[in-house]
PDB file of N, CA and C in Angstrom:
ATOM      1  N   UNK A   1     132.566 141.074 166.513  1.00  0.00           N
ATOM      2  CA  UNK A   1     132.575 140.850 164.995  1.00  0.00           C
ATOM      3  C   UNK A   1     131.419 141.650 164.443  1.00  0.00           C
ATOM      4  N   UNK A   2     132.365 141.967 162.967  1.00  0.00           N
ATOM      5  CA  UNK A   2     131.628 142.472 161.880  1.00  0.00           C
ATOM      6  C   UNK A   2     130.330 142.247 161.278  1.00  0.00           C
ATOM      7  N   UNK A   3     129.220 142.356 161.133  1.00  0.00           N
ATOM      8  CA  UNK A   3     128.066 141.709 160.556  1.00  0.00           C
ATOM      9  C   UNK A   3     128.379 141.913 158.651  1.00  0.00           C
ATOM     10  N   UNK A   4     128.515 140.639 158.136  1.00  0.00           N
ATOM     11  CA  UNK A   4     128.869 140.619 156.852  1.00  0.00           C
ATOM     12  C   UNK A   4     127.269 140.922 156.136  1.00  0.00           C
ATOM     13  N   UNK A   5     127.131 141.641 155.414  1.00  0.00           N
ATOM     14  CA  UNK A   5     125.904 141.873 154.308  1.00  0.00           C
ATOM     15  C   UNK A   5     126.079 141.290 152.737  1.00  0.00           C
ATOM     16  N   UNK A   6     125.364 140.927 152.689  1.00  0.00           N
ATOM     17  CA  UNK A   6     124.901 140.257 151.237  1.00  0.00           C
ATOM     18  C   UNK A   6     124.846 141.316 149.942  1.00  0.00           C
ATOM     19  N   UNK A   7     125.916 142.320 149.378  1.00  0.00           N
ATOM     20  CA  UNK A   7     125.026 143.188 148.555  1.00  0.00           C
ATOM     21  C   UNK A   7     125.795 142.867 147.032  1.00  0.00           C
ATOM     22  N   UNK A   8     125.621 141.637 146.805  1.00  0.00           N
ATOM     23  CA  UNK A   8     125.590 141.095 145.366  1.00  0.00           C
ATOM     24  C   UNK A   8     124.890 140.513 145.150  1.00  0.00           C
ATOM     25  N   UNK A   9     123.484 140.876 144.213  1.00  0.00           N
ATOM     26  CA  UNK A   9     122.470 139.642 144.127  1.00  0.00           C
ATOM     27  C   UNK A   9     122.988 138.506 142.722  1.00  0.00           C
ATOM     28  N   UNK A  10     123.002 137.250 142.956  1.00  0.00           N
ATOM     29  CA  UNK A  10     123.242 135.957 142.125  1.00  0.00           C
ATOM     30  C   UNK A  10     122.050 135.638 141.081  1.00  0.00           C
ATOM     31  N   UNK A  11     122.287 135.670 140.000  1.00  0.00           N
ATOM     32  CA  UNK A  11     121.391 134.760 139.195  1.00  0.00           C
ATOM     33  C   UNK A  11     121.672 133.382 138.858  1.00  0.00           C
ATOM     34  N   UNK A  12     121.016 132.935 139.101  1.00  0.00           N
ATOM     35  CA  UNK A  12     121.434 131.210 138.844  1.00  0.00           C
ATOM     36  C   UNK A  12     121.034 130.915 137.961  1.00  0.00           C
ATOM     37  N   UNK A  13     121.404 129.927 136.863  1.00  0.00           N
ATOM     38  CA  UNK A  13     121.035 129.181 135.627  1.00  0.00           C
ATOM     39  C   UNK A  13     120.452 127.720 136.060  1.00  0.00           C
ATOM     40  N   UNK A  14     120.452 127.536 137.402  1.00  0.00           N
ATOM     41  CA  UNK A  14     119.974 126.452 137.441  1.00  0.00           C
ATOM     42  C   UNK A  14     118.552 126.592 138.207  1.00  0.00           C
ATOM     43  N   UNK A  15     117.664 125.823 137.955  1.00  0.00           N
ATOM     44  CA  UNK A  15     116.371 125.572 138.171  1.00  0.00           C
ATOM     45  C   UNK A  15     115.780 124.170 138.681  1.00  0.00           C
ATOM     46  N   UNK A  16     114.640 124.079 139.196  1.00  0.00           N
ATOM     47  CA  UNK A  16     114.022 122.748 139.732  1.00  0.00           C
ATOM     48  C   UNK A  16     112.988 122.448 138.381  1.00  0.00           C
ATOM     49  N   UNK A  17     112.998 120.945 138.759  1.00  0.00           N
ATOM     50  CA  UNK A  17     112.652 119.900 137.287  1.00  0.00           C
ATOM     51  C   UNK A  17     111.643 120.530 137.176  1.00  0.00           C
ATOM     52  N   UNK A  18     110.592 121.161 138.077  1.00  0.00           N
ATOM     53  CA  UNK A  18     109.343 121.125 137.334  1.00  0.00           C
ATOM     54  C   UNK A  18     109.401 122.846 136.641  1.00  0.00           C
ATOM     55  N   UNK A  19     110.136 123.821 136.839  1.00  0.00           N
ATOM     56  CA  UNK A  19     110.028 124.456 136.883  1.00  0.00           C
ATOM     57  C   UNK A  19     110.997 124.695 135.461  1.00  0.00           C
ATOM     58  N   UNK A  20     111.848 123.624 134.988  1.00  0.00           N
ATOM     59  CA  UNK A  20     112.251 123.612 134.016  1.00  0.00           C
ATOM     60  C   UNK A  20     111.532 123.097 132.937  1.00  0.00           C
ATOM     61  N   UNK A  21     110.704 122.264 133.618  1.00  0.00           N
ATOM     62  CA  UNK A  21     109.213 121.436 132.338  1.00  0.00           C
ATOM     63  C   UNK A  21     108.715 122.845 131.835  1.00  0.00           C
ATOM     64  N   UNK A  22     108.379 123.699 133.328  1.00  0.00           N
ATOM     65  CA  UNK A  22     107.251 124.412 132.621  1.00  0.00           C
ATOM     66  C   UNK A  22     108.127 125.654 131.364  1.00  0.00           C
ATOM     67  N   UNK A  23     109.245 125.831 131.472  1.00  0.00           N
ATOM     68  CA  UNK A  23     109.835 126.473 130.629  1.00  0.00           C
ATOM     69  C   UNK A  23     110.353 126.216 129.547  1.00  0.00           C
ATOM     70  N   UNK A  24     110.366 124.728 129.659  1.00  0.00           N
ATOM     71  CA  UNK A  24     110.838 124.310 127.896  1.00  0.00           C
ATOM     72  C   UNK A  24     110.150 123.368 126.983  1.00  0.00           C
ATOM     73  N   UNK A  25     108.519 123.205 128.135  1.00  0.00           N
ATOM     74  CA  UNK A  25     107.262 122.573 127.569  1.00  0.00           C
ATOM     75  C   UNK A  25     108.313 121.227 127.497  1.00  0.00           C
ATOM     76  N   UNK A  26     108.846 120.252 127.988  1.00  0.00           N
ATOM     77  CA  UNK A  26     109.645 119.132 128.090  1.00  0.00           C
ATOM     78  C   UNK A  26     108.452 118.803 129.508  1.00  0.00           C
ATOM     79  N   UNK A  27     108.595 117.202 129.371  1.00  0.00           N
ATOM     80  CA  UNK A  27     107.907 116.683 130.437  1.00  0.00           C
ATOM     81  C   UNK A  27     109.329 116.297 131.498  1.00  0.00           C
ATOM     82  N   UNK A  28     108.607 116.554 132.888  1.00  0.00           N
ATOM     83  CA  UNK A  28     109.067 116.301 134.044  1.00  0.00           C
ATOM     84  C   UNK A  28     109.918 114.591 133.855  1.00  0.00           C
ATOM     85  N   UNK A  29     109.135 113.723 133.389  1.00  0.00           N
ATOM     86  CA  UNK A  29     109.848 112.479 133.157  1.00  0.00           C
ATOM     87  C   UNK A  29     110.787 112.462 132.124  1.00  0.00           C
ATOM     88  N   UNK A  30     110.651 113.032 130.812  1.00  0.00           N
ATOM     89  CA  UNK A  30     112.236 113.447 130.074  1.00  0.00           C
ATOM     90  C   UNK A  30     113.525 113.876 130.499  1.00  0.00           C
ATOM     91  N   UNK A  31     113.005 114.826 131.646  1.00  0.00           N
ATOM     92  CA  UNK A  31     113.769 115.759 131.879  1.00  0.00           C
ATOM     93  C   UNK A  31     114.811 114.971 133.140  1.00  0.00           C
ATOM     94  N   UNK A  32     113.701 113.889 134.088  1.00  0.00           N
ATOM     95  CA  UNK A  32     114.368 113.272 134.995  1.00  0.00           C
ATOM     96  C   UNK A  32     115.371 112.391 134.381  1.00  0.00           C
ATOM     97  N   UNK A  33     114.604 111.440 133.449  1.00  0.00           N
ATOM     98  CA  UNK A  33     115.248 110.258 132.822  1.00  0.00           C
ATOM     99  C   UNK A  33     116.652 110.512 131.938  1.00  0.00           C
ATOM    100  N   UNK A  34     116.677 111.705 131.747  1.00  0.00           N
ATOM    101  CA  UNK A  34     117.751 112.916 131.038  1.00  0.00           C
ATOM    102  C   UNK A  34     118.112 112.861 132.043  1.00  0.00           C
ATOM    103  N   UNK A  35     118.491 113.984 133.669  1.00  0.00           N
ATOM    104  CA  UNK A  35     119.357 113.354 134.090  1.00  0.00           C
ATOM    105  C   UNK A  35     119.397 112.213 134.556  1.00  0.00           C
ATOM    106  N   UNK A  36     119.183 111.448 134.690  1.00  0.00           N
ATOM    107  CA  UNK A  36     119.657 109.940 135.244  1.00  0.00           C
ATOM    108  C   UNK A  36     120.588 109.305 133.874  1.00  0.00           C
ATOM    109  N   UNK A  37     120.645 109.537 132.967  1.00  0.00           N
ATOM    110  CA  UNK A  37     121.342 109.327 131.740  1.00  0.00           C
ATOM    111  C   UNK A  37     122.545 110.006 131.340  1.00  0.00           C
ATOM    112  N   UNK A  38     122.360 111.410 132.092  1.00  0.00           N
ATOM    113  CA  UNK A  38     123.673 111.809 131.753  1.00  0.00           C
ATOM    114  C   UNK A  38     123.312 113.164 130.843  1.00  0.00           C
ATOM    115  N   UNK A  39     122.009 113.278 130.420  1.00  0.00           N
ATOM    116  CA  UNK A  39     121.776 113.610 128.426  1.00  0.00           C
ATOM    117  C   UNK A  39     121.501 115.149 129.175  1.00  0.00           C
ATOM    118  N   UNK A  40     120.949 115.415 130.211  1.00  0.00           N
ATOM    119  CA  UNK A  40     120.637 116.785 130.673  1.00  0.00           C
ATOM    120  C   UNK A  40     121.257 117.689 131.391  1.00  0.00           C
ATOM    121  N   UNK A  41     122.110 118.632 131.035  1.00  0.00           N
ATOM    122  CA  UNK A  41     123.103 119.235 132.149  1.00  0.00           C
ATOM    123  C   UNK A  41     122.238 119.688 133.435  1.00  0.00           C
ATOM    124  N   UNK A  42     123.689 118.952 134.790  1.00  0.00           N
ATOM    125  CA  UNK A  42     122.565 119.169 135.982  1.00  0.00           C
ATOM    126  C   UNK A  42     123.152 119.209 137.203  1.00  0.00           C
ATOM    127  N   UNK A  43     123.295 119.521 138.399  1.00  0.00           N
ATOM    128  CA  UNK A  43     123.670 119.136 139.600  1.00  0.00           C
ATOM    129  C   UNK A  43     122.507 118.229 140.345  1.00  0.00           C
ATOM    130  N   UNK A  44     122.939 117.559 141.296  1.00  0.00           N
ATOM    131  CA  UNK A  44     122.135 116.657 142.343  1.00  0.00           C
ATOM    132  C   UNK A  44     122.379 117.496 143.331  1.00  0.00           C
ATOM    133  N   UNK A  45     121.228 117.749 143.839  1.00  0.00           N
ATOM    134  CA  UNK A  45     120.999 118.584 145.452  1.00  0.00           C
ATOM    135  C   UNK A  45     120.062 117.597 146.293  1.00  0.00           C
ATOM    136  N   UNK A  46     120.848 116.499 147.087  1.00  0.00           N
ATOM    137  CA  UNK A  46     120.227 116.023 147.967  1.00  0.00           C
ATOM    138  C   UNK A  46     119.775 115.003 147.232  1.00  0.00           C
ATOM    139  N   UNK A  47     117.973 114.599 146.764  1.00  0.00           N
ATOM    140  CA  UNK A  47     117.381 113.659 146.364  1.00  0.00           C
ATOM    141  C   UNK A  47     116.665 114.574 145.303  1.00  0.00           C
ATOM    142  N   UNK A  48     117.252 115.995 144.484  1.00  0.00           N
ATOM    143  CA  UNK A  48     116.297 116.610 143.949  1.00  0.00           C
ATOM    144  C   UNK A  48     117.197 116.934 142.595  1.00  0.00           C
ATOM    145  N   UNK A  49     116.653 117.015 141.623  1.00  0.00           N
ATOM    146  CA  UNK A  49     117.847 117.828 140.812  1.00  0.00           C
ATOM    147  C   UNK A  49     117.694 119.007 140.412  1.00  0.00           C
ATOM    148  N   UNK A  50     118.796 119.998 139.810  1.00  0.00           N
ATOM    149  CA  UNK A  50     118.560 121.586 139.565  1.00  0.00           C
ATOM    150  C   UNK A  50     119.627 121.594 138.233  1.00  0.00           C
ATOM    151  N   UNK A  51     118.464 121.705 137.184  1.00  0.00           N
ATOM    152  CA  UNK A  51     118.869 121.828 136.063  1.00  0.00           C
ATOM    153  C   UNK A  51     119.302 123.007 135.512  1.00  0.00           C
ATOM    154  N   UNK A  52     121.187 122.836 134.495  1.00  0.00           N
ATOM    155  CA  UNK A  52     121.496 124.063 134.194  1.00  0.00           C
ATOM    156  C   UNK A  52     120.404 124.494 132.673  1.00  0.00           C
ATOM    157  N   UNK A  53     119.541 125.444 132.870  1.00  0.00           N
ATOM    158  CA  UNK A  53     119.117 125.728 131.767  1.00  0.00           C
ATOM    159  C   UNK A  53     119.546 126.896 130.598  1.00  0.00           C
ATOM    160  N   UNK A  54     120.282 127.227 131.041  1.00  0.00           N
ATOM    161  CA  UNK A  54     121.175 127.646 129.410  1.00  0.00           C
ATOM    162  C   UNK A  54     122.151 126.671 128.887  1.00  0.00           C
ATOM    163  N   UNK A  55     122.183 125.651 129.585  1.00  0.00           N
ATOM    164  CA  UNK A  55     122.923 124.648 128.783  1.00  0.00           C
ATOM    165  C   UNK A  55     122.196 123.508 127.886  1.00  0.00           C
ATOM    166  N   UNK A  56     120.863 123.498 128.839  1.00  0.00           N
ATOM    167  CA  UNK A  56     120.009 122.433 127.878  1.00  0.00           C
ATOM    168  C   UNK A  56     119.578 123.328 126.789  1.00  0.00           C
ATOM    169  N   UNK A  57     119.110 124.455 127.149  1.00  0.00           N
ATOM    170  CA  UNK A  57     118.229 125.031 125.746  1.00  0.00           C
ATOM    171  C   UNK A  57     119.559 125.181 124.676  1.00  0.00           C
ATOM    172  N   UNK A  58     120.555 125.631 125.004  1.00  0.00           N
ATOM    173  CA  UNK A  58     121.739 125.261 123.733  1.00  0.00           C
ATOM    174  C   UNK A  58     121.312 123.710 123.343  1.00  0.00           C
ATOM    175  N   UNK A  59     121.756 122.875 123.761  1.00  0.00           N
ATOM    176  CA  UNK A  59     121.823 121.781 123.246  1.00  0.00           C
ATOM    177  C   UNK A  59     120.290 121.435 122.495  1.00  0.00           C
ATOM    178  N   UNK A  60     119.133 121.791 123.159  1.00  0.00           N
ATOM    179  CA  UNK A  60     118.363 121.996 122.134  1.00  0.00           C
ATOM    180  C   UNK A  60     118.315 123.108 120.944  1.00  0.00           C
ATOM    181  N   UNK A  61     119.011 123.880 121.650  1.00  0.00           N
ATOM    182  CA  UNK A  61     119.325 125.160 120.055  1.00  0.00           C
ATOM    183  C   UNK A  61     118.450 125.987 120.623  1.00  0.00           C
ATOM    184  N   UNK A  62     117.814 126.236 121.246  1.00  0.00           N
ATOM    185  CA  UNK A  62     117.278 127.514 121.218  1.00  0.00           C
ATOM    186  C   UNK A  62     117.807 128.766 122.310  1.00  0.00           C
ATOM    187  N   UNK A  63     117.762 129.570 121.425  1.00  0.00           N
ATOM    188  CA  UNK A  63     118.250 130.885 122.725  1.00  0.00           C
ATOM    189  C   UNK A  63     117.916 131.525 123.641  1.00  0.00           C
ATOM    190  N   UNK A  64     118.735 131.503 124.926  1.00  0.00           N
ATOM    191  CA  UNK A  64     118.535 131.586 126.020  1.00  0.00           C
ATOM    192  C   UNK A  64     117.717 132.973 126.107  1.00  0.00           C
ATOM    193  N   UNK A  65     117.673 134.008 125.366  1.00  0.00           N
ATOM    194  CA  UNK A  65     117.223 134.519 125.235  1.00  0.00           C
ATOM    195  C   UNK A  65     115.516 134.644 125.008  1.00  0.00           C
ATOM    196  N   UNK A  66     115.198 133.882 124.459  1.00  0.00           N
ATOM    197  CA  UNK A  66     113.694 133.879 123.970  1.00  0.00           C
ATOM    198  C   UNK A  66     112.996 133.258 125.079  1.00  0.00           C
ATOM    199  N   UNK A  67     113.688 132.731 126.412  1.00  0.00           N
ATOM    200  CA  UNK A  67     112.790 131.969 127.341  1.00  0.00           C
ATOM    201  C   UNK A  67     112.396 133.891 128.314  1.00  0.00           C
ATOM    202  N   UNK A  68     111.298 133.125 128.431  1.00  0.00           N
ATOM    203  CA  UNK A  68     110.869 134.500 129.878  1.00  0.00           C
ATOM    204  C   UNK A  68     110.833 134.233 130.740  1.00  0.00           C
ATOM    205  N   UNK A  69     111.557 134.529 131.878  1.00  0.00           N
ATOM    206  CA  UNK A  69     111.757 134.025 133.108  1.00  0.00           C
ATOM    207  C   UNK A  69     110.656 134.420 134.116  1.00  0.00           C
TER     208      UNK A  69
END
């Protein structure tokens, strides 16, 4: 059987709740409740939230390019 190699590097727009809070300046409480209410773009991975950072910044009116990752 031939071994498969992952030669592509994928840049994901999803970040954890703590990292999103650090990058945006919003509190984790605000982001968590926004996820529950459906106002913050996210996906759910088990019990944790992964926030779609580009879409969140678009909703806030902040260009994604201005955020230093």
